[in-house]
Amino acid sequence: MKGLMALPPSLDLDSLRERLLAGDRAALARAITLAESKRADHRAAARDLIDAVLPQTGTAIRVGITGVPGVGKSTTIDNLGANLTAAGHKVAVLAVDPSSSRTGGSILGDKTRMAQLALDPNAFIRPSPSSGTLGGVAAKTRETMLLCEAAGFDVILVETVGVGQSETAVADLTDFFLVLMLPGAGDELQGIKKGILELADMIAVNKADDGEGERRANAAAGEYRAALHILSAPSSSWTPPVVTISGLNNKRLDAMWEKVVDHRNKLTATGEIVKKRRAQDVKWMWALVHERLHQRLVGSPEVRKQTAEAEAGVARGESSPAAGAETIATLIGL
């Protein structure tokens, strides 16, 4: 396999690939770490590994799950995932935690918030810092998703930060975009971004607990249905439903998942799933091109020095932003 000569002898990609395809969890964790590495040789090895296992990917149901902090994403995923593994599925949760804008540090607490799945042999939780990536998706979420599929996981749940950033990145990763909402819409509905509702394949109003919680959730669901009625659906084959659930009490989560499967079946029959994934692959390609350009800017000490000088010149008002951009572009041959 290509790339082996650039790697330390302890890292045998052929062996790693075989173990990964056999469902070895340690091999999966190591493969993801390889993909997330910033070392050039590791990046090259990760590309070779993903190319080698690509034929064994693509069959999983990929679901992006977003919602504001406090909506109950992790609790809902924990119970939903437990239901799915009990039904015979293998579930991978790619949980992206907020990162500090100053240090890049992350809480990475999802394994403690998903107590059932953390102990489930048929589940795999991979927390990773968002590192400021737009949309709350870690930089290597796409690669991680493919590696999990190669290891035999047939359901991939991508939990996003959900802190008001553009969620377009989530829709560009997954087949189904689930938006969790809090009950008590009313005035809160005014603060919901139209773009998120347009991307949603389903809205689930969480915390529909017994009594008052159920009543408030039903009222909120009515508001969201009215909002969706005037927006364009993501697919002509699918009208986004609005459901009420209780993630904490595992209430109606099975019915919610049935709608995800129904969506999958309908869009598979029309060929939309394949078309959507091919379009996502093209966007992924361009994202990797942008990443390589960025690496050119930060990879060389001399380029970093000249970039800093150009930046300082703009900050002091000695040159225009356009002139600074031209200087930086010239450094990387653009």
Protein backbone atom coordinates (compact mmCIF):
# COMPACT_ATOMS: atom_id res chain seq x y z
CA MET A 1 0.00 0.00 0.00
CA LYS A 2 1.23 3.52 -0.82
CA GLY A 3 2.71 5.61 1.97
CA LEU A 4 4.19 2.81 4.02
CA MET A 5 7.80 3.93 3.51
CA ALA A 6 7.09 7.33 5.10
CA LEU A 7 5.80 5.77 8.32
CA PRO A 8 7.52 4.34 11.36
CA PRO A 9 7.88 0.54 11.26
CA SER A 10 5.45 0.23 14.19
CA LEU A 11 2.62 1.52 11.98
CA ASP A 12 1.71 -1.16 9.43
CA LEU A 13 -1.14 0.17 7.31
CA ASP A 14 -1.98 -3.24 5.83
CA SER A 15 -2.39 -4.71 9.29
CA LEU A 16 -4.35 -1.66 10.45
CA ARG A 17 -6.69 -1.96 7.47
CA GLU A 18 -7.34 -5.65 8.11
CA ARG A 19 -8.04 -5.08 11.78
CA LEU A 20 -10.27 -2.10 10.97
CA LEU A 21 -12.36 -4.11 8.50
CA ALA A 22 -12.65 -6.87 11.12
CA GLY A 23 -14.27 -4.38 13.48
CA ASP A 24 -11.34 -4.01 15.87
CA ARG A 25 -12.22 -1.00 18.06
CA ALA A 26 -8.60 -0.29 18.95
CA ALA A 27 -7.71 -0.23 15.25
CA LEU A 28 -10.62 2.14 14.59
CA ALA A 29 -9.47 4.49 17.32
CA ARG A 30 -5.92 4.44 15.96
CA ALA A 31 -7.09 5.03 12.40
CA ILE A 32 -9.11 8.07 13.51
CA THR A 33 -6.14 9.42 15.44
CA LEU A 34 -4.06 9.00 12.29
CA ALA A 35 -6.63 10.94 10.25
CA GLU A 36 -6.74 13.72 12.84
CA SER A 37 -2.95 14.05 13.02
CA LYS A 38 -1.34 17.21 11.66
CA ARG A 39 1.84 15.39 10.63
CA ALA A 40 2.29 15.26 6.86
CA ASP A 41 3.26 11.57 6.83
CA HIS A 42 0.27 10.65 8.98
CA ARG A 43 -2.06 12.63 6.71
CA ALA A 44 -0.72 10.78 3.67
CA ALA A 45 -1.10 7.42 5.42
CA ALA A 46 -4.68 8.29 6.44
CA ARG A 47 -5.54 9.13 2.83
CA ASP A 48 -4.14 5.79 1.65
CA LEU A 49 -6.03 3.94 4.38
CA ILE A 50 -9.33 5.61 3.55
CA ASP A 51 -8.87 4.94 -0.16
CA ALA A 52 -8.22 1.27 0.67
CA VAL A 53 -11.38 0.83 2.76
CA LEU A 54 -13.65 3.05 0.64
CA PRO A 55 -15.38 0.08 -1.07
CA GLN A 56 -16.55 -1.08 2.38
CA THR A 57 -18.20 2.27 3.20
CA GLY A 58 -21.38 4.04 2.18
CA THR A 59 -24.08 1.72 3.50
CA ALA A 60 -24.65 3.34 6.89
CA ILE A 61 -27.47 5.73 7.74
CA ARG A 62 -25.81 9.09 8.45
CA VAL A 63 -27.77 11.42 10.72
CA GLY A 64 -26.72 14.90 11.80
CA ILE A 65 -28.26 16.05 15.07
CA THR A 66 -28.20 19.67 16.16
CA GLY A 67 -29.89 21.96 18.62
CA VAL A 68 -29.11 24.70 21.08
CA PRO A 69 -27.15 23.85 24.26
CA GLY A 70 -29.53 22.46 26.86
CA VAL A 71 -31.97 20.98 24.37
CA GLY A 72 -30.92 17.47 25.43
CA LYS A 73 -28.91 16.23 22.45
CA SER A 74 -26.62 13.89 24.37
CA THR A 75 -29.42 12.41 26.50
CA THR A 76 -31.57 11.84 23.42
CA ILE A 77 -28.70 10.24 21.52
CA ASP A 78 -27.87 8.01 24.49
CA ASN A 79 -31.38 6.54 24.64
CA LEU A 80 -31.85 6.47 20.86
CA GLY A 81 -28.51 4.73 20.41
CA ALA A 82 -29.35 2.18 23.10
CA ASN A 83 -32.64 1.43 21.32
CA LEU A 84 -30.79 0.93 18.04
CA THR A 85 -28.11 -1.38 19.44
CA ALA A 86 -30.84 -3.40 21.18
CA ALA A 87 -32.44 -3.80 17.74
CA GLY A 88 -29.19 -5.18 16.32
CA HIS A 89 -27.54 -2.05 14.91
CA LYS A 90 -23.97 -0.92 15.47
CA VAL A 91 -23.97 2.78 16.32
CA ALA A 92 -21.11 5.26 16.07
CA VAL A 93 -21.56 8.67 17.70
CA LEU A 94 -19.27 11.43 16.52
CA ALA A 95 -19.75 13.99 19.25
CA VAL A 96 -18.17 17.34 18.56
CA ASP A 97 -17.44 19.42 21.67
CA PRO A 98 -16.97 23.18 21.83
CA SER A 99 -13.35 24.31 21.86
CA SER A 100 -11.82 27.28 23.55
CA SER A 101 -11.08 30.02 21.03
CA ARG A 102 -7.93 30.86 23.00
CA THR A 103 -6.41 27.47 23.80
CA GLY A 104 -8.27 25.04 21.56
CA GLY A 105 -9.10 23.00 24.66
CA SER A 106 -12.30 20.99 24.82
CA ILE A 107 -14.47 19.54 27.57
CA LEU A 108 -15.03 16.26 25.69
CA GLY A 109 -17.69 15.18 28.17
CA ASP A 110 -19.98 13.18 25.92
CA LYS A 111 -18.81 9.82 27.22
CA THR A 112 -20.02 10.84 30.67
CA ARG A 113 -23.29 12.22 29.30
CA MET A 114 -23.95 9.04 27.26
CA ALA A 115 -23.63 6.54 30.07
CA GLN A 116 -25.41 3.67 28.29
CA LEU A 117 -23.60 3.90 24.99
CA ALA A 118 -20.22 4.37 26.68
CA LEU A 119 -20.55 0.81 28.03
CA ASP A 120 -22.29 -0.73 25.01
CA PRO A 121 -20.04 -3.08 22.97
CA ASN A 122 -22.07 -2.27 19.85
CA ALA A 123 -21.57 1.48 20.20
CA PHE A 124 -18.55 3.67 19.61
CA ILE A 125 -18.33 7.25 20.86
CA ARG A 126 -15.66 9.51 19.47
CA PRO A 127 -15.58 12.94 21.08
CA SER A 128 -13.40 15.49 19.35
CA PRO A 129 -12.95 19.25 19.67
CA SER A 130 -14.52 21.46 17.02
CA SER A 131 -11.40 23.68 17.13
CA GLY A 132 -13.45 26.58 15.89
CA THR A 133 -14.55 24.81 12.72
CA LEU A 134 -17.59 26.47 11.15
CA GLY A 135 -20.82 24.57 11.74
CA GLY A 136 -19.52 22.87 14.88
CA VAL A 137 -18.12 19.92 12.97
CA ALA A 138 -14.60 18.70 13.65
CA ALA A 139 -12.19 19.11 10.76
CA LYS A 140 -11.89 15.34 10.20
CA THR A 141 -15.50 14.31 10.81
CA ARG A 142 -15.89 13.08 7.21
CA GLU A 143 -12.86 10.82 7.44
CA THR A 144 -13.94 9.55 10.84
CA MET A 145 -17.38 8.71 9.50
CA LEU A 146 -15.93 6.62 6.66
CA LEU A 147 -13.59 4.78 9.02
CA CYS A 148 -16.50 3.93 11.33
CA GLU A 149 -18.48 2.58 8.38
CA ALA A 150 -15.50 0.47 7.33
CA ALA A 151 -15.41 -0.98 10.84
CA GLY A 152 -18.99 -2.18 10.48
CA PHE A 153 -21.06 0.57 12.08
CA ASP A 154 -24.34 0.91 10.18
CA VAL A 155 -25.69 4.00 11.96
CA ILE A 156 -23.59 7.16 12.24
CA LEU A 157 -24.91 9.93 14.51
CA VAL A 158 -23.08 13.26 14.26
CA GLU A 159 -23.83 15.48 17.24
CA THR A 160 -22.89 19.09 16.63
CA VAL A 161 -22.03 21.92 18.99
CA GLY A 162 -25.21 23.81 18.19
CA VAL A 163 -24.10 27.25 19.33
CA GLY A 164 -25.53 29.37 16.54
CA GLN A 165 -22.90 28.78 13.86
CA SER A 166 -23.85 27.92 10.30
CA GLU A 167 -25.17 24.36 10.28
CA THR A 168 -24.70 23.94 6.53
CA ALA A 169 -21.59 21.86 7.24
CA VAL A 170 -23.74 19.27 9.02
CA ALA A 171 -26.11 18.88 6.08
CA ASP A 172 -23.09 18.44 3.81
CA LEU A 173 -21.98 15.44 5.86
CA THR A 174 -25.14 13.47 6.44
CA ASP A 175 -28.18 11.94 4.77
CA PHE A 176 -30.65 13.20 7.35
CA PHE A 177 -30.59 16.45 9.33
CA LEU A 178 -32.47 16.29 12.65
CA VAL A 179 -33.06 19.53 14.55
CA LEU A 180 -33.97 19.24 18.23
CA MET A 181 -36.01 22.10 19.65
CA LEU A 182 -37.14 23.12 23.10
CA PRO A 183 -40.84 23.45 23.95
CA GLY A 184 -42.39 26.85 24.46
CA ALA A 185 -41.93 28.20 20.94
CA GLY A 186 -43.93 31.43 20.97
CA ASP A 187 -41.50 34.34 20.91
CA GLU A 188 -38.55 31.92 20.70
CA LEU A 189 -39.66 31.04 17.17
CA GLN A 190 -38.60 34.51 16.06
CA GLY A 191 -35.00 33.73 16.98
CA ILE A 192 -34.75 30.53 14.93
CA LYS A 193 -32.65 30.87 11.83
CA LYS A 194 -34.61 30.32 8.65
CA GLY A 195 -31.62 28.53 7.16
CA ILE A 196 -31.69 25.79 9.79
CA LEU A 197 -35.40 25.15 9.24
CA GLU A 198 -34.83 24.97 5.48
CA LEU A 199 -32.14 22.33 6.00
CA ALA A 200 -34.11 20.25 8.51
CA ASP A 201 -35.39 16.84 7.43
CA MET A 202 -37.27 16.60 10.72
CA ILE A 203 -37.85 18.74 13.79
CA ALA A 204 -38.21 17.00 17.14
CA VAL A 205 -39.49 19.03 20.07
CA ASN A 206 -37.76 17.52 23.08
CA LYS A 207 -38.73 17.44 26.76
CA ALA A 208 -42.30 16.43 25.98
CA ASP A 209 -42.61 14.92 29.42
CA ASP A 210 -45.96 14.10 31.01
CA GLY A 211 -48.41 16.85 31.91
CA GLU A 212 -47.31 20.43 31.34
CA GLY A 213 -44.22 19.37 29.39
CA GLU A 214 -46.38 17.46 26.90
CA ARG A 215 -48.74 20.39 26.49
CA ARG A 216 -45.96 22.90 25.89
CA ALA A 217 -44.22 20.56 23.44
CA ASN A 218 -47.41 20.09 21.43
CA ALA A 219 -47.93 23.84 21.28
CA ALA A 220 -44.36 24.36 20.09
CA ALA A 221 -44.75 21.62 17.48
CA GLY A 222 -47.74 23.47 16.05
CA GLU A 223 -45.65 26.62 15.71
CA TYR A 224 -42.87 24.77 13.91
CA ARG A 225 -45.27 23.04 11.53
CA ALA A 226 -46.66 26.44 10.57
CA ALA A 227 -43.13 27.76 10.00
CA LEU A 228 -42.14 24.77 7.85
CA HIS A 229 -45.31 25.11 5.80
CA ILE A 230 -44.09 28.34 4.22
CA LEU A 231 -40.52 27.13 3.56
CA SER A 232 -39.15 24.99 0.77
CA ALA A 233 -38.48 21.39 1.76
CA PRO A 234 -34.95 19.98 1.20
CA SER A 235 -36.40 17.29 -1.09
CA SER A 236 -39.44 17.07 -3.32
CA SER A 237 -39.85 13.48 -2.12
CA TRP A 238 -39.98 14.35 1.56
CA THR A 239 -42.06 16.68 3.70
CA PRO A 240 -40.20 17.32 7.00
CA PRO A 241 -42.34 16.12 9.90
CA VAL A 242 -42.49 17.72 13.34
CA VAL A 243 -42.62 15.28 16.25
CA THR A 244 -42.59 15.53 20.02
CA ILE A 245 -40.27 13.36 22.11
CA SER A 246 -38.81 12.96 25.56
CA GLY A 247 -35.17 12.04 25.24
CA LEU A 248 -34.85 11.67 28.99
CA ASN A 249 -37.77 9.26 29.29
CA ASN A 250 -37.15 7.47 25.96
CA LYS A 251 -40.58 8.53 24.79
CA ARG A 252 -41.46 8.20 21.09
CA LEU A 253 -37.81 7.82 20.08
CA ASP A 254 -38.61 4.61 18.20
CA ALA A 255 -41.32 6.40 16.23
CA MET A 256 -38.88 9.22 15.47
CA TRP A 257 -36.34 6.73 14.14
CA GLU A 258 -38.98 5.11 11.92
CA LYS A 259 -39.30 8.44 10.13
CA VAL A 260 -35.52 8.52 9.57
CA VAL A 261 -35.74 5.05 7.99
CA ASP A 262 -38.78 6.09 5.95
CA HIS A 263 -36.80 9.07 4.63
CA ARG A 264 -33.90 6.78 3.74
CA ASN A 265 -36.16 4.36 1.86
CA LYS A 266 -37.95 7.07 -0.10
CA LEU A 267 -34.81 8.93 -1.17
CA THR A 268 -33.02 5.68 -2.01
CA ALA A 269 -35.89 4.72 -4.30
CA THR A 270 -35.65 8.05 -6.16
CA GLY A 271 -31.85 7.97 -6.33
CA GLU A 272 -31.57 11.19 -4.30
CA ILE A 273 -29.36 9.67 -1.61
CA VAL A 274 -26.69 8.70 -4.15
CA LYS A 275 -26.92 12.08 -5.87
CA LYS A 276 -26.68 13.90 -2.54
CA ARG A 277 -23.61 11.95 -1.46
CA ARG A 278 -21.83 12.57 -4.75
CA ALA A 279 -22.44 16.30 -4.34
CA GLN A 280 -21.13 16.07 -0.78
CA ASP A 281 -17.98 14.34 -2.06
CA VAL A 282 -17.30 17.23 -4.43
CA LYS A 283 -17.69 19.74 -1.57
CA TRP A 284 -15.38 17.56 0.53
CA MET A 285 -12.79 17.68 -2.25
CA TRP A 286 -12.81 21.47 -2.27
CA ALA A 287 -12.67 21.59 1.51
CA LEU A 288 -9.49 19.49 1.34
CA VAL A 289 -8.06 21.84 -1.29
CA HIS A 290 -8.68 24.80 1.03
CA GLU A 291 -7.08 22.85 3.87
CA ARG A 292 -3.96 22.18 1.78
CA LEU A 293 -3.69 25.86 0.90
CA HIS A 294 -3.94 26.75 4.57
CA GLN A 295 -1.23 24.22 5.39
CA ARG A 296 1.02 25.92 2.84
CA LEU A 297 0.54 29.16 4.76
CA VAL A 298 1.31 27.74 8.20
CA GLY A 299 3.71 24.92 7.31
CA SER A 300 6.81 26.96 6.48
CA PRO A 301 8.49 29.18 9.10
CA GLU A 302 9.53 31.63 6.37
CA VAL A 303 6.00 31.82 4.96
CA ARG A 304 4.58 32.31 8.46
CA LYS A 305 7.07 35.13 9.03
CA GLN A 306 6.16 36.94 5.82
CA THR A 307 2.44 36.36 6.43
CA ALA A 308 2.76 37.93 9.88
CA GLU A 309 4.57 40.91 8.34
CA ALA A 310 1.81 41.39 5.77
CA GLU A 311 -0.80 41.14 8.49
CA ALA A 312 1.02 43.67 10.65
CA GLY A 313 1.27 46.08 7.71
CA VAL A 314 -2.49 45.98 7.22
CA ALA A 315 -3.09 46.37 10.96
CA ARG A 316 -0.89 49.49 11.03
CA GLY A 317 -2.67 50.95 8.03
CA GLU A 318 0.49 50.87 5.92
CA SER A 319 -1.08 48.68 3.23
CA SER A 320 -4.60 47.85 2.16
CA PRO A 321 -6.29 44.50 2.86
CA ALA A 322 -6.22 43.83 -0.90
CA ALA A 323 -2.47 44.45 -1.04
CA GLY A 324 -1.94 42.21 2.00
CA ALA A 325 -4.01 39.45 0.41
CA GLU A 326 -1.98 39.76 -2.80
CA THR A 327 1.26 39.42 -0.83
CA ILE A 328 0.06 36.29 0.95
CA ALA A 329 -1.32 34.75 -2.26
CA THR A 330 2.03 35.31 -3.96
CA LEU A 331 3.79 33.45 -1.12
CA ILE A 332 1.94 30.24 -1.98
CA GLY A 333 2.07 30.71 -5.73
CA LEU A 334 -1.44 31.93 -6.38
